[in-house]
Amino acid sequence: MNTLLREIELRLDALFAQLAEGFDAPPAQRLRLEGLLEAAALLEVASQAELEALLTDRFCAVFCRSPAEDFGAHWQRLFPFPQIPAMQQRAPVVPSTSDAL
């Protein structure tokens, strides 16, 4: 496997693992990875379709479901290439004041 593709795969796994564990994914981490995806496509290391398939495969490997199951059948409209479907879980919110005020 190409060095760039292997690095993309490792970073996708790390990013998705963070999200699966309930941690935040820093924007800089996601944006650098999206840049690598775009560079791989521009350098013709892999086609856009191959890179999207890799992204989907790594998402499925970590979350045990597809991006389509989380974001709908047309998830690629919400996250056009090279955007990564990286959404952290909603934080639990506990009111700090009573409703009696």
C-alpha atoms as a PDB file:
ATOM      1  CA  MET A   1       0.000   0.000   0.000  1.00  0.00           C
ATOM      2  CA  ASN A   2       1.168   3.526  -0.795  1.00  0.00           C
ATOM      3  CA  THR A   3       2.696   5.430   2.160  1.00  0.00           C
ATOM      4  CA  LEU A   4       0.210   8.297   1.832  1.00  0.00           C
ATOM      5  CA  LEU A   5      -2.781   5.933   1.748  1.00  0.00           C
ATOM      6  CA  ARG A   6      -1.465   4.040   4.776  1.00  0.00           C
ATOM      7  CA  GLU A   7      -1.079   7.312   6.709  1.00  0.00           C
ATOM      8  CA  ILE A   8      -4.619   8.350   5.738  1.00  0.00           C
ATOM      9  CA  GLU A   9      -5.922   4.992   6.956  1.00  0.00           C
ATOM     10  CA  LEU A  10      -4.065   5.272  10.286  1.00  0.00           C
ATOM     11  CA  ARG A  11      -5.310   8.814  10.850  1.00  0.00           C
ATOM     12  CA  LEU A  12      -8.896   7.899   9.948  1.00  0.00           C
ATOM     13  CA  ASP A  13      -8.757   5.042  12.455  1.00  0.00           C
ATOM     14  CA  ALA A  14      -7.373   7.346  15.159  1.00  0.00           C
ATOM     15  CA  LEU A  15      -9.949  10.082  14.471  1.00  0.00           C
ATOM     16  CA  PHE A  16     -12.906   7.699  14.417  1.00  0.00           C
ATOM     17  CA  ALA A  17     -11.637   5.872  17.529  1.00  0.00           C
ATOM     18  CA  GLN A  18     -11.557   9.185  19.431  1.00  0.00           C
ATOM     19  CA  LEU A  19     -15.140   9.910  18.423  1.00  0.00           C
ATOM     20  CA  ALA A  20     -16.301   6.367  19.218  1.00  0.00           C
ATOM     21  CA  GLU A  21     -14.838   6.710  22.722  1.00  0.00           C
ATOM     22  CA  GLY A  22     -16.782   9.941  23.233  1.00  0.00           C
ATOM     23  CA  PHE A  23     -13.827  12.302  22.910  1.00  0.00           C
ATOM     24  CA  ASP A  24     -13.696  15.443  20.808  1.00  0.00           C
ATOM     25  CA  ALA A  25     -11.910  15.474  17.451  1.00  0.00           C
ATOM     26  CA  PRO A  26      -9.888  18.686  17.226  1.00  0.00           C
ATOM     27  CA  PRO A  27     -10.673  20.625  14.022  1.00  0.00           C
ATOM     28  CA  ALA A  28      -6.970  20.841  13.124  1.00  0.00           C
ATOM     29  CA  GLN A  29      -6.669  17.038  13.188  1.00  0.00           C
ATOM     30  CA  ARG A  30      -9.703  16.627  10.924  1.00  0.00           C
ATOM     31  CA  LEU A  31      -8.662  19.425   8.563  1.00  0.00           C
ATOM     32  CA  ARG A  32      -5.129  18.044   8.116  1.00  0.00           C
ATOM     33  CA  LEU A  33      -6.606  14.644   7.307  1.00  0.00           C
ATOM     34  CA  GLU A  34      -9.007  16.171   4.796  1.00  0.00           C
ATOM     35  CA  GLY A  35      -5.981  17.860   3.200  1.00  0.00           C
ATOM     36  CA  LEU A  36      -4.258  14.495   2.886  1.00  0.00           C
ATOM     37  CA  LEU A  37      -7.364  13.042   1.224  1.00  0.00           C
ATOM     38  CA  GLU A  38      -7.449  15.915  -1.250  1.00  0.00           C
ATOM     39  CA  ALA A  39      -3.702  15.610  -1.922  1.00  0.00           C
ATOM     40  CA  ALA A  40      -4.059  11.874  -2.592  1.00  0.00           C
ATOM     41  CA  ALA A  41      -6.788  12.593  -5.129  1.00  0.00           C
ATOM     42  CA  LEU A  42      -4.854  15.443  -6.787  1.00  0.00           C
ATOM     43  CA  LEU A  43      -1.682  13.344  -7.028  1.00  0.00           C
ATOM     44  CA  GLU A  44      -3.776  10.470  -8.419  1.00  0.00           C
ATOM     45  CA  VAL A  45      -2.572   8.129  -5.690  1.00  0.00           C
ATOM     46  CA  ALA A  46      -6.210   7.016  -5.539  1.00  0.00           C
ATOM     47  CA  SER A  47      -9.428   8.176  -7.137  1.00  0.00           C
ATOM     48  CA  GLN A  48     -12.034  10.109  -5.212  1.00  0.00           C
ATOM     49  CA  ALA A  49     -14.273   7.020  -5.281  1.00  0.00           C
ATOM     50  CA  GLU A  50     -11.465   4.852  -3.859  1.00  0.00           C
ATOM     51  CA  LEU A  51     -10.780   7.374  -1.107  1.00  0.00           C
ATOM     52  CA  GLU A  52     -14.479   7.609  -0.241  1.00  0.00           C
ATOM     53  CA  ALA A  53     -14.587   3.799  -0.098  1.00  0.00           C
ATOM     54  CA  LEU A  54     -11.568   3.798   2.235  1.00  0.00           C
ATOM     55  CA  LEU A  55     -13.224   6.411   4.456  1.00  0.00           C
ATOM     56  CA  THR A  56     -16.459   4.387   4.559  1.00  0.00           C
ATOM     57  CA  ASP A  57     -14.561   1.169   5.290  1.00  0.00           C
ATOM     58  CA  ARG A  58     -12.634   2.724   8.199  1.00  0.00           C
ATOM     59  CA  PHE A  59     -15.836   4.328   9.558  1.00  0.00           C
ATOM     60  CA  CYS A  60     -17.568   0.923   9.481  1.00  0.00           C
ATOM     61  CA  ALA A  61     -14.585  -0.788  11.114  1.00  0.00           C
ATOM     62  CA  VAL A  62     -14.657   1.571  14.102  1.00  0.00           C
ATOM     63  CA  PHE A  63     -18.386   2.261  14.533  1.00  0.00           C
ATOM     64  CA  CYS A  64     -19.754  -1.094  13.251  1.00  0.00           C
ATOM     65  CA  ARG A  65     -22.174   0.818  11.031  1.00  0.00           C
ATOM     66  CA  SER A  66     -21.915   2.872   7.871  1.00  0.00           C
ATOM     67  CA  PRO A  67     -21.957   6.658   7.539  1.00  0.00           C
ATOM     68  CA  ALA A  68     -25.285   6.216   5.727  1.00  0.00           C
ATOM     69  CA  GLU A  69     -26.769   4.663   8.872  1.00  0.00           C
ATOM     70  CA  ASP A  70     -25.702   7.689  10.939  1.00  0.00           C
ATOM     71  CA  PHE A  71     -26.244  10.527   8.462  1.00  0.00           C
ATOM     72  CA  GLY A  72     -28.711   9.161   5.891  1.00  0.00           C
ATOM     73  CA  ALA A  73     -28.374   7.630   2.439  1.00  0.00           C
ATOM     74  CA  HIS A  74     -27.116  10.890   0.941  1.00  0.00           C
ATOM     75  CA  TRP A  75     -24.512  11.564   3.641  1.00  0.00           C
ATOM     76  CA  GLN A  76     -21.995  12.644   0.991  1.00  0.00           C
ATOM     77  CA  ARG A  77     -24.128  15.729   0.296  1.00  0.00           C
ATOM     78  CA  LEU A  78     -23.746  16.694   3.943  1.00  0.00           C
ATOM     79  CA  PHE A  79     -20.009  15.902   3.865  1.00  0.00           C
ATOM     80  CA  PRO A  80     -18.791  16.448   0.266  1.00  0.00           C
ATOM     81  CA  PHE A  81     -15.337  15.097  -0.514  1.00  0.00           C
ATOM     82  CA  PRO A  82     -12.844  15.559   1.113  1.00  0.00           C
ATOM     83  CA  GLN A  83     -14.905  16.299   4.248  1.00  0.00           C
ATOM     84  CA  ILE A  84     -14.914  13.585   6.889  1.00  0.00           C
ATOM     85  CA  PRO A  85     -18.146  12.641   8.685  1.00  0.00           C
ATOM     86  CA  ALA A  86     -16.765  13.423  12.131  1.00  0.00           C
ATOM     87  CA  MET A  87     -19.404  14.345  14.678  1.00  0.00           C
ATOM     88  CA  GLN A  88     -18.851  13.989  18.370  1.00  0.00           C
ATOM     89  CA  GLN A  89     -21.570  12.687  20.640  1.00  0.00           C
ATOM     90  CA  ARG A  90     -23.875  15.204  22.243  1.00  0.00           C
ATOM     91  CA  ALA A  91     -22.686  16.271  25.660  1.00  0.00           C
ATOM     92  CA  PRO A  92     -25.034  15.576  28.555  1.00  0.00           C
ATOM     93  CA  VAL A  93     -26.566  18.836  29.747  1.00  0.00           C
ATOM     94  CA  VAL A  94     -27.666  19.293  33.327  1.00  0.00           C
ATOM     95  CA  PRO A  95     -29.518  22.504  34.247  1.00  0.00           C
ATOM     96  CA  SER A  96     -27.579  24.636  36.723  1.00  0.00           C
ATOM     97  CA  THR A  97     -30.650  26.499  37.975  1.00  0.00           C
ATOM     98  CA  SER A  98     -34.103  25.396  38.966  1.00  0.00           C
ATOM     99  CA  ASP A  99     -37.188  26.178  36.919  1.00  0.00           C
ATOM    100  CA  ALA A 100     -38.684  27.945  39.967  1.00  0.00           C
ATOM    101  CA  LEU A 101     -36.818  31.188  39.345  1.00  0.00           C
END
